[in-house]
Amino acid sequence: MRRTTVLLLLSCLLACSGLAQAWDGHGHRLVARLAEPHLHPDARAEVQRLLALEGASRMHEVASWADDLRSGESPLAKESARWHFVNMAEDGCAYDAARHCPEGDCVVAALHKQAGILGDRDQPDAERLQALKFVVHFVGDIHQPLHAGYGHDRGGNRVQVHVHGKGSNLHALWDEDLLATAGLDEAAHADKLQLTEDRLPADVGPYTPSAPAVWAEQSCRIATAPGVYPDEAKLGEAYLRQHLPTVERQVRLGAARLARLLNEVLA
């Protein structure tokens, strides 16, 4: 009985840790690193001014803050728990605020709201700094396809897979393992994916109030594309090679859109 209880607790902890992740720290920091060189001078100056309030100087230093917050017990941690994702794959990836984001509790509404706070110069600096950290993180979240996927399996968290002889779940695979297969440290990975003017994704588009919903719908369509949900739990190198380019493209697209958002709201 005691051994069974311990195993159940360990399983719960593993499941909960998977739910708390989003791109993992590597992916979130990549989005921030790639976006920063494309900030306009006025936006960059304001970002740096706000970051300096807590001793930071670069956006990637705060890119995982919202996940760290989520693991705590503060009122804000509980309030923001559902702000990291939106489940709409069961409805054909067509976002409907009333159905998929009641009371604004999803990444689409949270990103739009926090962008508004960040851009409001009448708000206290502490609130705007917090909003900046949420914005940097949520842009990453909304471009992780399984953060806009199915609700019945909690974005793939309940889909068990085996990769390189280790047990995992589909959500964690898209958060961590796919990016890790590039075999690069963070700086080298950023160099590989850097956004030069001739390599910007074609569908970046301007930041508008409706943009987060569009981004989530695009991510949802990736999550529901054939082959993302594997036929077998045991995954080989072919699956990883097939989907690594998709994840890397989403990182680059998220970075380009983060830069556009910050340039717009901080102009």
C-alpha atoms as a PDB file:
ATOM      1  CA  MET A   1       0.000   0.000   0.000  1.00  0.00           C
ATOM      2  CA  ARG A   2       2.771   2.441   0.936  1.00  0.00           C
ATOM      3  CA  ARG A   3       4.714   1.703  -2.285  1.00  0.00           C
ATOM      4  CA  THR A   4       1.555   2.189  -4.371  1.00  0.00           C
ATOM      5  CA  THR A   5       0.869   5.517  -2.696  1.00  0.00           C
ATOM      6  CA  VAL A   6       4.403   6.747  -3.408  1.00  0.00           C
ATOM      7  CA  LEU A   7       4.120   5.726  -7.052  1.00  0.00           C
ATOM      8  CA  LEU A   8       0.798   7.532  -7.383  1.00  0.00           C
ATOM      9  CA  LEU A   9       2.266  10.683  -5.865  1.00  0.00           C
ATOM     10  CA  LEU A  10       5.251  10.546  -8.203  1.00  0.00           C
ATOM     11  CA  SER A  11       2.943  10.117 -11.189  1.00  0.00           C
ATOM     12  CA  CYS A  12       0.913  13.107 -10.075  1.00  0.00           C
ATOM     13  CA  LEU A  13       4.025  15.223  -9.678  1.00  0.00           C
ATOM     14  CA  LEU A  14       5.240  14.300 -13.140  1.00  0.00           C
ATOM     15  CA  ALA A  15       1.879  15.089 -14.671  1.00  0.00           C
ATOM     16  CA  CYS A  16       1.667  18.405 -12.878  1.00  0.00           C
ATOM     17  CA  SER A  17       5.175  19.380 -13.915  1.00  0.00           C
ATOM     18  CA  GLY A  18       4.249  18.667 -17.515  1.00  0.00           C
ATOM     19  CA  LEU A  19       1.229  20.919 -17.246  1.00  0.00           C
ATOM     20  CA  ALA A  20       3.362  23.731 -15.854  1.00  0.00           C
ATOM     21  CA  GLN A  21       5.675  23.787 -18.855  1.00  0.00           C
ATOM     22  CA  ALA A  22       5.272  25.763 -22.074  1.00  0.00           C
ATOM     23  CA  TRP A  23       8.019  25.530 -24.692  1.00  0.00           C
ATOM     24  CA  ASP A  24      10.141  24.974 -21.561  1.00  0.00           C
ATOM     25  CA  GLY A  25      12.648  27.675 -20.668  1.00  0.00           C
ATOM     26  CA  HIS A  26      14.748  27.125 -23.783  1.00  0.00           C
ATOM     27  CA  GLY A  27      11.869  27.801 -26.169  1.00  0.00           C
ATOM     28  CA  HIS A  28      10.599  30.858 -24.327  1.00  0.00           C
ATOM     29  CA  ARG A  29      14.058  32.369 -24.129  1.00  0.00           C
ATOM     30  CA  LEU A  30      14.594  31.743 -27.838  1.00  0.00           C
ATOM     31  CA  VAL A  31      11.426  33.673 -28.689  1.00  0.00           C
ATOM     32  CA  ALA A  32      12.602  36.597 -26.561  1.00  0.00           C
ATOM     33  CA  ARG A  33      16.180  36.515 -27.864  1.00  0.00           C
ATOM     34  CA  LEU A  34      15.088  36.477 -31.499  1.00  0.00           C
ATOM     35  CA  ALA A  35      12.565  39.293 -31.005  1.00  0.00           C
ATOM     36  CA  GLU A  36      14.813  41.774 -29.215  1.00  0.00           C
ATOM     37  CA  PRO A  37      17.000  42.879 -32.180  1.00  0.00           C
ATOM     38  CA  HIS A  38      13.841  43.866 -34.057  1.00  0.00           C
ATOM     39  CA  LEU A  39      12.536  46.319 -31.481  1.00  0.00           C
ATOM     40  CA  HIS A  40      12.365  49.935 -32.584  1.00  0.00           C
ATOM     41  CA  PRO A  41      14.613  52.251 -30.533  1.00  0.00           C
ATOM     42  CA  ASP A  42      11.739  53.723 -28.519  1.00  0.00           C
ATOM     43  CA  ALA A  43      10.248  50.317 -27.759  1.00  0.00           C
ATOM     44  CA  ARG A  44      13.673  48.924 -26.837  1.00  0.00           C
ATOM     45  CA  ALA A  45      14.341  51.829 -24.489  1.00  0.00           C
ATOM     46  CA  GLU A  46      11.020  51.340 -22.712  1.00  0.00           C
ATOM     47  CA  VAL A  47      11.497  47.586 -22.425  1.00  0.00           C
ATOM     48  CA  GLN A  48      14.948  48.099 -20.930  1.00  0.00           C
ATOM     49  CA  ARG A  49      13.664  50.758 -18.541  1.00  0.00           C
ATOM     50  CA  LEU A  50      10.963  48.439 -17.241  1.00  0.00           C
ATOM     51  CA  LEU A  51      13.251  45.416 -16.993  1.00  0.00           C
ATOM     52  CA  ALA A  52      15.778  47.459 -15.016  1.00  0.00           C
ATOM     53  CA  LEU A  53      13.189  47.842 -12.256  1.00  0.00           C
ATOM     54  CA  GLU A  54      13.966  44.280 -11.194  1.00  0.00           C
ATOM     55  CA  GLY A  55      17.592  44.151 -12.216  1.00  0.00           C
ATOM     56  CA  ALA A  56      17.162  42.568 -15.648  1.00  0.00           C
ATOM     57  CA  SER A  57      18.415  43.904 -18.967  1.00  0.00           C
ATOM     58  CA  ARG A  58      17.247  41.415 -21.607  1.00  0.00           C
ATOM     59  CA  MET A  59      13.809  39.978 -22.285  1.00  0.00           C
ATOM     60  CA  HIS A  60      14.985  36.369 -22.218  1.00  0.00           C
ATOM     61  CA  GLU A  61      15.828  36.830 -18.521  1.00  0.00           C
ATOM     62  CA  VAL A  62      12.105  37.101 -17.707  1.00  0.00           C
ATOM     63  CA  ALA A  63      10.704  34.855 -20.451  1.00  0.00           C
ATOM     64  CA  SER A  64       9.895  31.981 -18.064  1.00  0.00           C
ATOM     65  CA  TRP A  65       8.672  34.140 -15.191  1.00  0.00           C
ATOM     66  CA  ALA A  66       5.007  33.313 -15.803  1.00  0.00           C
ATOM     67  CA  ASP A  67       5.705  29.573 -15.504  1.00  0.00           C
ATOM     68  CA  ASP A  68       7.703  30.137 -12.316  1.00  0.00           C
ATOM     69  CA  LEU A  69       4.769  32.149 -10.975  1.00  0.00           C
ATOM     70  CA  ARG A  70       2.386  29.363 -11.908  1.00  0.00           C
ATOM     71  CA  SER A  71       4.187  26.878  -9.713  1.00  0.00           C
ATOM     72  CA  GLY A  72       3.552  28.983  -6.603  1.00  0.00           C
ATOM     73  CA  GLU A  73       0.551  29.511  -4.366  1.00  0.00           C
ATOM     74  CA  SER A  74      -0.004  33.255  -4.697  1.00  0.00           C
ATOM     75  CA  PRO A  75      -3.400  34.662  -5.695  1.00  0.00           C
ATOM     76  CA  LEU A  76      -1.919  35.760  -9.029  1.00  0.00           C
ATOM     77  CA  ALA A  77      -0.601  32.239  -9.647  1.00  0.00           C
ATOM     78  CA  LYS A  78      -4.092  30.831  -9.218  1.00  0.00           C
ATOM     79  CA  GLU A  79      -5.734  33.632 -11.182  1.00  0.00           C
ATOM     80  CA  SER A  80      -3.374  33.223 -14.147  1.00  0.00           C
ATOM     81  CA  ALA A  81      -3.332  29.420 -14.259  1.00  0.00           C
ATOM     82  CA  ARG A  82      -5.636  29.235 -17.294  1.00  0.00           C
ATOM     83  CA  TRP A  83      -4.024  32.155 -19.141  1.00  0.00           C
ATOM     84  CA  HIS A  84      -1.404  29.940 -20.794  1.00  0.00           C
ATOM     85  CA  PHE A  85      -3.626  28.030 -23.227  1.00  0.00           C
ATOM     86  CA  VAL A  86      -6.928  27.843 -25.099  1.00  0.00           C
ATOM     87  CA  ASN A  87      -8.739  24.624 -26.020  1.00  0.00           C
ATOM     88  CA  MET A  88     -10.654  24.821 -29.296  1.00  0.00           C
ATOM     89  CA  ALA A  89      -9.594  21.906 -31.471  1.00  0.00           C
ATOM     90  CA  GLU A  90     -12.889  20.122 -30.806  1.00  0.00           C
ATOM     91  CA  ASP A  91     -14.609  23.022 -32.587  1.00  0.00           C
ATOM     92  CA  GLY A  92     -12.531  22.976 -35.744  1.00  0.00           C
ATOM     93  CA  CYS A  93      -9.998  25.553 -34.477  1.00  0.00           C
ATOM     94  CA  ALA A  94     -12.510  28.390 -34.898  1.00  0.00           C
ATOM     95  CA  TYR A  95     -12.083  30.656 -31.867  1.00  0.00           C
ATOM     96  CA  ASP A  96     -15.243  31.741 -30.086  1.00  0.00           C
ATOM     97  CA  ALA A  97     -14.628  33.877 -27.006  1.00  0.00           C
ATOM     98  CA  ALA A  98     -17.808  32.897 -25.203  1.00  0.00           C
ATOM     99  CA  ARG A  99     -17.186  29.182 -25.716  1.00  0.00           C
ATOM    100  CA  HIS A 100     -13.420  28.944 -25.459  1.00  0.00           C
ATOM    101  CA  CYS A 101     -12.505  31.844 -23.189  1.00  0.00           C
ATOM    102  CA  PRO A 102     -15.237  32.433 -20.598  1.00  0.00           C
ATOM    103  CA  GLU A 103     -14.437  35.383 -18.331  1.00  0.00           C
ATOM    104  CA  GLY A 104     -11.253  36.002 -20.314  1.00  0.00           C
ATOM    105  CA  ASP A 105      -9.500  32.955 -18.854  1.00  0.00           C
ATOM    106  CA  CYS A 106      -7.379  31.873 -21.815  1.00  0.00           C
ATOM    107  CA  VAL A 107      -4.178  32.878 -23.545  1.00  0.00           C
ATOM    108  CA  VAL A 108      -5.989  34.830 -26.280  1.00  0.00           C
ATOM    109  CA  ALA A 109      -7.740  37.237 -23.925  1.00  0.00           C
ATOM    110  CA  ALA A 110      -4.872  37.336 -21.423  1.00  0.00           C
ATOM    111  CA  LEU A 111      -2.357  38.338 -24.083  1.00  0.00           C
ATOM    112  CA  HIS A 112      -4.595  41.100 -25.406  1.00  0.00           C
ATOM    113  CA  LYS A 113      -5.295  42.404 -21.895  1.00  0.00           C
ATOM    114  CA  GLN A 114      -1.657  42.388 -20.793  1.00  0.00           C
ATOM    115  CA  ALA A 115      -0.582  44.114 -24.020  1.00  0.00           C
ATOM    116  CA  GLY A 116      -3.085  46.855 -23.209  1.00  0.00           C
ATOM    117  CA  ILE A 117      -1.696  47.308 -19.702  1.00  0.00           C
ATOM    118  CA  LEU A 118       1.855  47.398 -21.038  1.00  0.00           C
ATOM    119  CA  GLY A 119       0.982  50.091 -23.550  1.00  0.00           C
ATOM    120  CA  ASP A 120      -0.880  52.290 -21.046  1.00  0.00           C
ATOM    121  CA  ARG A 121       1.603  54.885 -19.761  1.00  0.00           C
ATOM    122  CA  ASP A 122      -0.851  55.873 -17.030  1.00  0.00           C
ATOM    123  CA  GLN A 123      -0.474  52.476 -15.353  1.00  0.00           C
ATOM    124  CA  PRO A 124       2.087  52.124 -12.538  1.00  0.00           C
ATOM    125  CA  ASP A 125       5.477  50.884 -13.688  1.00  0.00           C
ATOM    126  CA  ALA A 126       5.153  47.773 -11.536  1.00  0.00           C
ATOM    127  CA  GLU A 127       1.958  46.803 -13.354  1.00  0.00           C
ATOM    128  CA  ARG A 128       3.499  47.493 -16.742  1.00  0.00           C
ATOM    129  CA  LEU A 129       6.599  45.458 -15.899  1.00  0.00           C
ATOM    130  CA  GLN A 130       4.406  42.545 -14.871  1.00  0.00           C
ATOM    131  CA  ALA A 131       2.430  42.923 -18.096  1.00  0.00           C
ATOM    132  CA  LEU A 132       5.650  42.897 -20.126  1.00  0.00           C
ATOM    133  CA  LYS A 133       6.677  39.619 -18.538  1.00  0.00           C
ATOM    134  CA  PHE A 134       3.266  38.122 -19.249  1.00  0.00           C
ATOM    135  CA  VAL A 135       3.329  39.344 -22.861  1.00  0.00           C
ATOM    136  CA  VAL A 136       6.774  37.886 -23.578  1.00  0.00           C
ATOM    137  CA  HIS A 137       5.654  34.564 -22.147  1.00  0.00           C
ATOM    138  CA  PHE A 138       2.161  34.373 -23.637  1.00  0.00           C
ATOM    139  CA  VAL A 139       3.352  35.084 -27.163  1.00  0.00           C
ATOM    140  CA  GLY A 140       5.536  32.009 -26.757  1.00  0.00           C
ATOM    141  CA  ASP A 141       2.662  29.968 -25.349  1.00  0.00           C
ATOM    142  CA  ILE A 142       0.240  30.845 -28.099  1.00  0.00           C
ATOM    143  CA  HIS A 143       2.725  29.645 -30.738  1.00  0.00           C
ATOM    144  CA  GLN A 144       3.211  26.255 -29.102  1.00  0.00           C
ATOM    145  CA  PRO A 145       0.609  24.304 -31.104  1.00  0.00           C
ATOM    146  CA  LEU A 146      -0.622  22.081 -28.287  1.00  0.00           C
ATOM    147  CA  HIS A 147      -1.423  25.149 -26.179  1.00  0.00           C
ATOM    148  CA  ALA A 148      -4.260  25.762 -28.631  1.00  0.00           C
ATOM    149  CA  GLY A 149      -5.285  22.144 -29.135  1.00  0.00           C
ATOM    150  CA  TYR A 150      -7.770  19.698 -27.652  1.00  0.00           C
ATOM    151  CA  GLY A 151      -9.399  20.091 -24.270  1.00  0.00           C
ATOM    152  CA  HIS A 152     -10.332  16.435 -23.723  1.00  0.00           C
ATOM    153  CA  ASP A 153      -6.666  15.398 -23.421  1.00  0.00           C
ATOM    154  CA  ARG A 154      -5.465  18.669 -21.888  1.00  0.00           C
ATOM    155  CA  GLY A 155      -3.420  19.686 -24.881  1.00  0.00           C
ATOM    156  CA  GLY A 156      -1.777  16.281 -25.270  1.00  0.00           C
ATOM    157  CA  ASN A 157      -0.809  15.960 -21.603  1.00  0.00           C
ATOM    158  CA  ARG A 158      -2.838  12.748 -21.365  1.00  0.00           C
ATOM    159  CA  VAL A 159      -1.318  11.193 -24.483  1.00  0.00           C
ATOM    160  CA  GLN A 160       1.560   9.007 -23.371  1.00  0.00           C
ATOM    161  CA  VAL A 161       4.589   8.570 -25.633  1.00  0.00           C
ATOM    162  CA  HIS A 162       8.041   7.014 -25.392  1.00  0.00           C
ATOM    163  CA  VAL A 163      11.045   8.846 -26.796  1.00  0.00           C
ATOM    164  CA  HIS A 164      14.628   7.559 -26.609  1.00  0.00           C
ATOM    165  CA  GLY A 165      13.537   4.899 -24.153  1.00  0.00           C
ATOM    166  CA  LYS A 166      11.889   7.331 -21.737  1.00  0.00           C
ATOM    167  CA  GLY A 167       8.239   7.880 -20.963  1.00  0.00           C
ATOM    168  CA  SER A 168       6.737  11.288 -21.657  1.00  0.00           C
ATOM    169  CA  ASN A 169       3.560  12.809 -23.012  1.00  0.00           C
ATOM    170  CA  LEU A 170       2.789  14.517 -26.293  1.00  0.00           C
ATOM    171  CA  HIS A 171       2.554  17.987 -24.750  1.00  0.00           C
ATOM    172  CA  ALA A 172       5.944  17.695 -23.064  1.00  0.00           C
ATOM    173  CA  LEU A 173       7.415  16.361 -26.288  1.00  0.00           C
ATOM    174  CA  TRP A 174       6.383  19.511 -28.152  1.00  0.00           C
ATOM    175  CA  ASP A 175       7.468  21.683 -25.227  1.00  0.00           C
ATOM    176  CA  GLU A 176      10.930  20.262 -24.754  1.00  0.00           C
ATOM    177  CA  ASP A 177      12.138  17.207 -26.632  1.00  0.00           C
ATOM    178  CA  LEU A 178      11.604  18.447 -30.182  1.00  0.00           C
ATOM    179  CA  LEU A 179      13.707  21.581 -29.670  1.00  0.00           C
ATOM    180  CA  ALA A 180      16.318  19.527 -27.841  1.00  0.00           C
ATOM    181  CA  THR A 181      16.809  17.299 -30.896  1.00  0.00           C
ATOM    182  CA  ALA A 182      18.491  20.235 -32.640  1.00  0.00           C
ATOM    183  CA  GLY A 183      21.478  19.463 -30.408  1.00  0.00           C
ATOM    184  CA  LEU A 184      22.301  23.134 -29.876  1.00  0.00           C
ATOM    185  CA  ASP A 185      22.769  25.282 -26.819  1.00  0.00           C
ATOM    186  CA  GLU A 186      20.617  28.373 -26.499  1.00  0.00           C
ATOM    187  CA  ALA A 187      23.030  30.829 -28.096  1.00  0.00           C
ATOM    188  CA  ALA A 188      23.806  28.558 -31.045  1.00  0.00           C
ATOM    189  CA  HIS A 189      20.128  27.819 -31.551  1.00  0.00           C
ATOM    190  CA  ALA A 190      19.354  31.541 -31.587  1.00  0.00           C
ATOM    191  CA  ASP A 191      22.064  32.052 -34.201  1.00  0.00           C
ATOM    192  CA  LYS A 192      20.540  29.330 -36.350  1.00  0.00           C
ATOM    193  CA  LEU A 193      17.026  30.794 -36.151  1.00  0.00           C
ATOM    194  CA  GLN A 194      17.852  34.510 -36.209  1.00  0.00           C
ATOM    195  CA  LEU A 195      15.396  36.791 -37.972  1.00  0.00           C
ATOM    196  CA  THR A 196      17.164  38.641 -40.741  1.00  0.00           C
ATOM    197  CA  GLU A 197      15.145  40.901 -43.023  1.00  0.00           C
ATOM    198  CA  ASP A 198      15.294  38.348 -45.836  1.00  0.00           C
ATOM    199  CA  ARG A 199      14.285  35.492 -43.513  1.00  0.00           C
ATOM    200  CA  LEU A 200      11.241  36.942 -41.761  1.00  0.00           C
ATOM    201  CA  PRO A 201       8.240  34.602 -41.846  1.00  0.00           C
ATOM    202  CA  ALA A 202       5.812  35.691 -44.534  1.00  0.00           C
ATOM    203  CA  ASP A 203       2.724  35.657 -42.306  1.00  0.00           C
ATOM    204  CA  VAL A 204       3.918  37.823 -39.419  1.00  0.00           C
ATOM    205  CA  GLY A 205       1.344  40.560 -40.003  1.00  0.00           C
ATOM    206  CA  PRO A 206       0.691  43.619 -37.828  1.00  0.00           C
ATOM    207  CA  TYR A 207      -0.389  43.412 -34.213  1.00  0.00           C
ATOM    208  CA  THR A 208      -4.094  44.169 -33.840  1.00  0.00           C
ATOM    209  CA  PRO A 209      -6.633  43.332 -31.105  1.00  0.00           C
ATOM    210  CA  SER A 210      -7.760  40.315 -33.136  1.00  0.00           C
ATOM    211  CA  ALA A 211      -4.233  39.021 -33.762  1.00  0.00           C
ATOM    212  CA  PRO A 212      -3.988  36.694 -30.723  1.00  0.00           C
ATOM    213  CA  ALA A 213      -7.098  34.805 -31.848  1.00  0.00           C
ATOM    214  CA  VAL A 214      -5.656  34.421 -35.346  1.00  0.00           C
ATOM    215  CA  TRP A 215      -2.359  33.167 -33.926  1.00  0.00           C
ATOM    216  CA  ALA A 216      -4.154  30.636 -31.722  1.00  0.00           C
ATOM    217  CA  GLU A 217      -6.228  29.353 -34.627  1.00  0.00           C
ATOM    218  CA  GLN A 218      -3.070  28.844 -36.677  1.00  0.00           C
ATOM    219  CA  SER A 219      -1.439  26.943 -33.821  1.00  0.00           C
ATOM    220  CA  CYS A 220      -4.561  24.845 -33.382  1.00  0.00           C
ATOM    221  CA  ARG A 221      -4.484  23.806 -37.033  1.00  0.00           C
ATOM    222  CA  ILE A 222      -0.913  22.592 -36.559  1.00  0.00           C
ATOM    223  CA  ALA A 223      -1.903  20.620 -33.447  1.00  0.00           C
ATOM    224  CA  THR A 224      -4.673  18.859 -35.362  1.00  0.00           C
ATOM    225  CA  ALA A 225      -2.703  18.226 -38.556  1.00  0.00           C
ATOM    226  CA  PRO A 226      -2.231  14.595 -39.619  1.00  0.00           C
ATOM    227  CA  GLY A 227       0.782  12.993 -38.000  1.00  0.00           C
ATOM    228  CA  VAL A 228       1.072  15.232 -34.952  1.00  0.00           C
ATOM    229  CA  TYR A 229      -0.836  12.695 -32.853  1.00  0.00           C
ATOM    230  CA  PRO A 230       1.196   9.527 -33.478  1.00  0.00           C
ATOM    231  CA  ASP A 231      -0.308   6.144 -34.256  1.00  0.00           C
ATOM    232  CA  GLU A 232       1.974   4.468 -31.734  1.00  0.00           C
ATOM    233  CA  ALA A 233       3.273   5.507 -28.351  1.00  0.00           C
ATOM    234  CA  LYS A 234       6.868   4.623 -29.203  1.00  0.00           C
ATOM    235  CA  LEU A 235       8.316   7.395 -31.351  1.00  0.00           C
ATOM    236  CA  GLY A 236      11.398   7.080 -33.510  1.00  0.00           C
ATOM    237  CA  GLU A 237      13.782   9.573 -35.038  1.00  0.00           C
ATOM    238  CA  ALA A 238      11.521  10.019 -38.065  1.00  0.00           C
ATOM    239  CA  TYR A 239       8.835  11.703 -35.952  1.00  0.00           C
ATOM    240  CA  LEU A 240      11.369  14.041 -34.370  1.00  0.00           C
ATOM    241  CA  ARG A 241      12.950  14.982 -37.696  1.00  0.00           C
ATOM    242  CA  GLN A 242       9.550  15.606 -39.232  1.00  0.00           C
ATOM    243  CA  HIS A 243       8.306  17.999 -36.562  1.00  0.00           C
ATOM    244  CA  LEU A 244      11.446  19.853 -35.433  1.00  0.00           C
ATOM    245  CA  PRO A 245      11.191  22.292 -38.398  1.00  0.00           C
ATOM    246  CA  THR A 246       7.588  23.060 -37.423  1.00  0.00           C
ATOM    247  CA  VAL A 247       8.544  23.874 -33.847  1.00  0.00           C
ATOM    248  CA  GLU A 248      11.474  26.009 -34.961  1.00  0.00           C
ATOM    249  CA  ARG A 249       9.270  27.888 -37.409  1.00  0.00           C
ATOM    250  CA  GLN A 250       6.769  28.580 -34.626  1.00  0.00           C
ATOM    251  CA  VAL A 251       9.571  29.940 -32.441  1.00  0.00           C
ATOM    252  CA  ARG A 252      10.686  32.281 -35.234  1.00  0.00           C
ATOM    253  CA  LEU A 253       7.130  33.321 -36.019  1.00  0.00           C
ATOM    254  CA  GLY A 254       6.416  33.987 -32.344  1.00  0.00           C
ATOM    255  CA  ALA A 255       9.567  36.090 -32.071  1.00  0.00           C
ATOM    256  CA  ALA A 256       8.701  38.183 -35.116  1.00  0.00           C
ATOM    257  CA  ARG A 257       5.174  38.749 -33.820  1.00  0.00           C
ATOM    258  CA  LEU A 258       6.424  39.607 -30.330  1.00  0.00           C
ATOM    259  CA  ALA A 259       8.619  42.318 -31.836  1.00  0.00           C
ATOM    260  CA  ARG A 260       5.689  43.677 -33.850  1.00  0.00           C
ATOM    261  CA  LEU A 261       3.458  43.693 -30.770  1.00  0.00           C
ATOM    262  CA  LEU A 262       5.991  45.542 -28.611  1.00  0.00           C
ATOM    263  CA  ASN A 263       6.755  48.046 -31.356  1.00  0.00           C
ATOM    264  CA  GLU A 264       3.036  48.738 -31.716  1.00  0.00           C
ATOM    265  CA  VAL A 265       2.065  49.116 -28.055  1.00  0.00           C
ATOM    266  CA  LEU A 266       5.239  50.942 -27.002  1.00  0.00           C
ATOM    267  CA  ALA A 267       5.510  53.309 -29.977  1.00  0.00           C
END
